[in-house]
Structure formats: C-alpha cells, structure tokens
Amino acid sequence: MQEMREQGARELHTWSVDPESVRWYESHFGYRALGEEPLRHALHRWYWEGESFWGIHRGFRQRDMLTHLVTDLTAMETAS
C-alpha cells in the first residue's frame, strides 16, 4: 500500500463476499464499506508448478453480493 501511495495512488478498492474479511480489512487497513454489488462470474488466470490455467471464479455459492471497500492512501503515515 505504501508503494502504491508513493506512486501517486490516492485510494485503493477491494471487494469481498466474506463478512469476516470485510471486518479484517476495516480494522487492519482502515477500509470503509461503500455498499454492495451483485456477485458476477470472473475469469481468472493463475499459475501452478510452471503451468498456466484459466478458470471461472464465482466466489461463495451461498452469497450473491460483494461488499465494495475503499481506503484512503493519502491518509497513510509515511514510513521513516
């Protein structure tokens, strides 16, 4: 996050379907929830043992909404 701030980023967004993760982002990194958005399928590419794979990630089947979170990088203290 510090590196992104140093490169000029002003805020950072992330999304989560997990309420525990949302609380963790809020308590550890100062994120705040902007609201919820429908969970859609997402195509992801990942690498494992030198191989490249594509797959569709749907998240958790029992949840159909994502919490949209944002944190203000300009409010971070600079490391000394």
C-alpha atoms as a PDB file:
ATOM      1  CA  MET A   1       0.000   0.000   0.000  1.00  0.00           C
ATOM      2  CA  GLN A   2       2.874   2.337   0.809  1.00  0.00           C
ATOM      3  CA  GLU A   3       4.426   1.730  -2.611  1.00  0.00           C
ATOM      4  CA  MET A   4       1.125   2.471  -4.350  1.00  0.00           C
ATOM      5  CA  ARG A   5       0.838   5.710  -2.360  1.00  0.00           C
ATOM      6  CA  GLU A   6       4.388   6.686  -3.310  1.00  0.00           C
ATOM      7  CA  GLN A   7       3.495   6.089  -6.986  1.00  0.00           C
ATOM      8  CA  GLY A   8       0.609   8.563  -6.684  1.00  0.00           C
ATOM      9  CA  ALA A   9      -2.389   6.332  -5.953  1.00  0.00           C
ATOM     10  CA  ARG A  10      -4.932   8.139  -3.786  1.00  0.00           C
ATOM     11  CA  GLU A  11      -7.242   5.296  -2.843  1.00  0.00           C
ATOM     12  CA  LEU A  12      -7.417   1.532  -3.025  1.00  0.00           C
ATOM     13  CA  HIS A  13     -10.535  -0.538  -3.702  1.00  0.00           C
ATOM     14  CA  THR A  14     -11.210  -4.182  -2.958  1.00  0.00           C
ATOM     15  CA  TRP A  15     -14.263  -6.439  -2.841  1.00  0.00           C
ATOM     16  CA  SER A  16     -15.183  -9.329  -0.565  1.00  0.00           C
ATOM     17  CA  VAL A  17     -18.044 -11.782  -0.103  1.00  0.00           C
ATOM     18  CA  ASP A  18     -16.899 -12.721   3.405  1.00  0.00           C
ATOM     19  CA  PRO A  19     -18.111 -10.579   6.355  1.00  0.00           C
ATOM     20  CA  GLU A  20     -15.088 -11.624   8.460  1.00  0.00           C
ATOM     21  CA  SER A  21     -12.729 -10.449   5.718  1.00  0.00           C
ATOM     22  CA  VAL A  22     -14.617  -7.153   5.474  1.00  0.00           C
ATOM     23  CA  ARG A  23     -14.136  -6.571   9.222  1.00  0.00           C
ATOM     24  CA  TRP A  24     -10.444  -7.504   8.896  1.00  0.00           C
ATOM     25  CA  TYR A  25      -9.865  -5.004   6.063  1.00  0.00           C
ATOM     26  CA  GLU A  26     -11.654  -2.320   8.086  1.00  0.00           C
ATOM     27  CA  SER A  27      -9.733  -2.931  11.322  1.00  0.00           C
ATOM     28  CA  HIS A  28      -6.275  -3.548   9.835  1.00  0.00           C
ATOM     29  CA  PHE A  29      -6.146  -1.160   6.880  1.00  0.00           C
ATOM     30  CA  GLY A  30      -8.785   1.495   7.502  1.00  0.00           C
ATOM     31  CA  TYR A  31     -11.092   0.388   4.686  1.00  0.00           C
ATOM     32  CA  ARG A  32     -14.720   1.510   4.737  1.00  0.00           C
ATOM     33  CA  ALA A  33     -17.619  -0.171   3.001  1.00  0.00           C
ATOM     34  CA  LEU A  34     -19.112   1.730   0.049  1.00  0.00           C
ATOM     35  CA  GLY A  35     -22.012  -0.666  -0.411  1.00  0.00           C
ATOM     36  CA  GLU A  36     -22.820  -3.977  -2.013  1.00  0.00           C
ATOM     37  CA  GLU A  37     -22.745  -5.114  -5.627  1.00  0.00           C
ATOM     38  CA  PRO A  38     -24.056  -8.265  -7.317  1.00  0.00           C
ATOM     39  CA  LEU A  39     -21.514 -11.066  -7.492  1.00  0.00           C
ATOM     40  CA  ARG A  40     -20.720 -11.915 -11.104  1.00  0.00           C
ATOM     41  CA  HIS A  41     -18.568 -14.604 -12.631  1.00  0.00           C
ATOM     42  CA  ALA A  42     -14.953 -13.628 -13.175  1.00  0.00           C
ATOM     43  CA  LEU A  43     -12.381 -15.208 -15.459  1.00  0.00           C
ATOM     44  CA  HIS A  44      -9.042 -15.691 -13.711  1.00  0.00           C
ATOM     45  CA  ARG A  45      -5.644 -16.883 -14.840  1.00  0.00           C
ATOM     46  CA  TRP A  46      -3.291 -18.492 -12.359  1.00  0.00           C
ATOM     47  CA  TYR A  47      -0.005 -20.338 -12.422  1.00  0.00           C
ATOM     48  CA  TRP A  48       0.826 -23.520 -10.575  1.00  0.00           C
ATOM     49  CA  GLU A  49       4.046 -25.510 -10.864  1.00  0.00           C
ATOM     50  CA  GLY A  50       5.029 -23.714 -14.041  1.00  0.00           C
ATOM     51  CA  GLU A  51       1.672 -24.290 -15.760  1.00  0.00           C
ATOM     52  CA  SER A  52      -0.861 -21.629 -16.737  1.00  0.00           C
ATOM     53  CA  PHE A  53      -4.545 -22.240 -16.014  1.00  0.00           C
ATOM     54  CA  TRP A  54      -7.774 -20.351 -16.761  1.00  0.00           C
ATOM     55  CA  GLY A  55     -10.910 -20.720 -14.721  1.00  0.00           C
ATOM     56  CA  ILE A  56     -14.149 -19.058 -13.773  1.00  0.00           C
ATOM     57  CA  HIS A  57     -14.428 -17.970 -10.167  1.00  0.00           C
ATOM     58  CA  ARG A  58     -17.887 -17.410  -8.752  1.00  0.00           C
ATOM     59  CA  GLY A  59     -16.978 -16.879  -5.103  1.00  0.00           C
ATOM     60  CA  PHE A  60     -19.147 -18.459  -2.456  1.00  0.00           C
ATOM     61  CA  ARG A  61     -22.342 -20.068  -3.725  1.00  0.00           C
ATOM     62  CA  GLN A  62     -24.283 -19.138  -0.599  1.00  0.00           C
ATOM     63  CA  ARG A  63     -23.628 -15.418  -1.123  1.00  0.00           C
ATOM     64  CA  ASP A  64     -24.702 -13.365  -4.111  1.00  0.00           C
ATOM     65  CA  MET A  65     -23.455  -9.898  -3.119  1.00  0.00           C
ATOM     66  CA  LEU A  66     -19.954  -8.418  -2.820  1.00  0.00           C
ATOM     67  CA  THR A  67     -19.068  -5.703  -0.315  1.00  0.00           C
ATOM     68  CA  HIS A  68     -17.177  -2.885  -2.077  1.00  0.00           C
ATOM     69  CA  LEU A  69     -14.456  -1.445   0.185  1.00  0.00           C
ATOM     70  CA  VAL A  70     -12.172   1.561  -0.207  1.00  0.00           C
ATOM     71  CA  THR A  71      -9.286   3.013   1.800  1.00  0.00           C
ATOM     72  CA  ASP A  72      -7.690   6.464   1.554  1.00  0.00           C
ATOM     73  CA  LEU A  73      -3.988   6.076   0.767  1.00  0.00           C
ATOM     74  CA  THR A  74      -3.361   9.808   1.228  1.00  0.00           C
ATOM     75  CA  ALA A  75      -4.162   9.431   4.932  1.00  0.00           C
ATOM     76  CA  MET A  76      -1.405   6.839   5.469  1.00  0.00           C
ATOM     77  CA  GLU A  77       1.558   7.888   7.537  1.00  0.00           C
ATOM     78  CA  THR A  78       4.816   7.874   5.637  1.00  0.00           C
ATOM     79  CA  ALA A  79       7.428   5.388   6.806  1.00  0.00           C
ATOM     80  CA  SER A  80      10.536   6.947   8.275  1.00  0.00           C
END
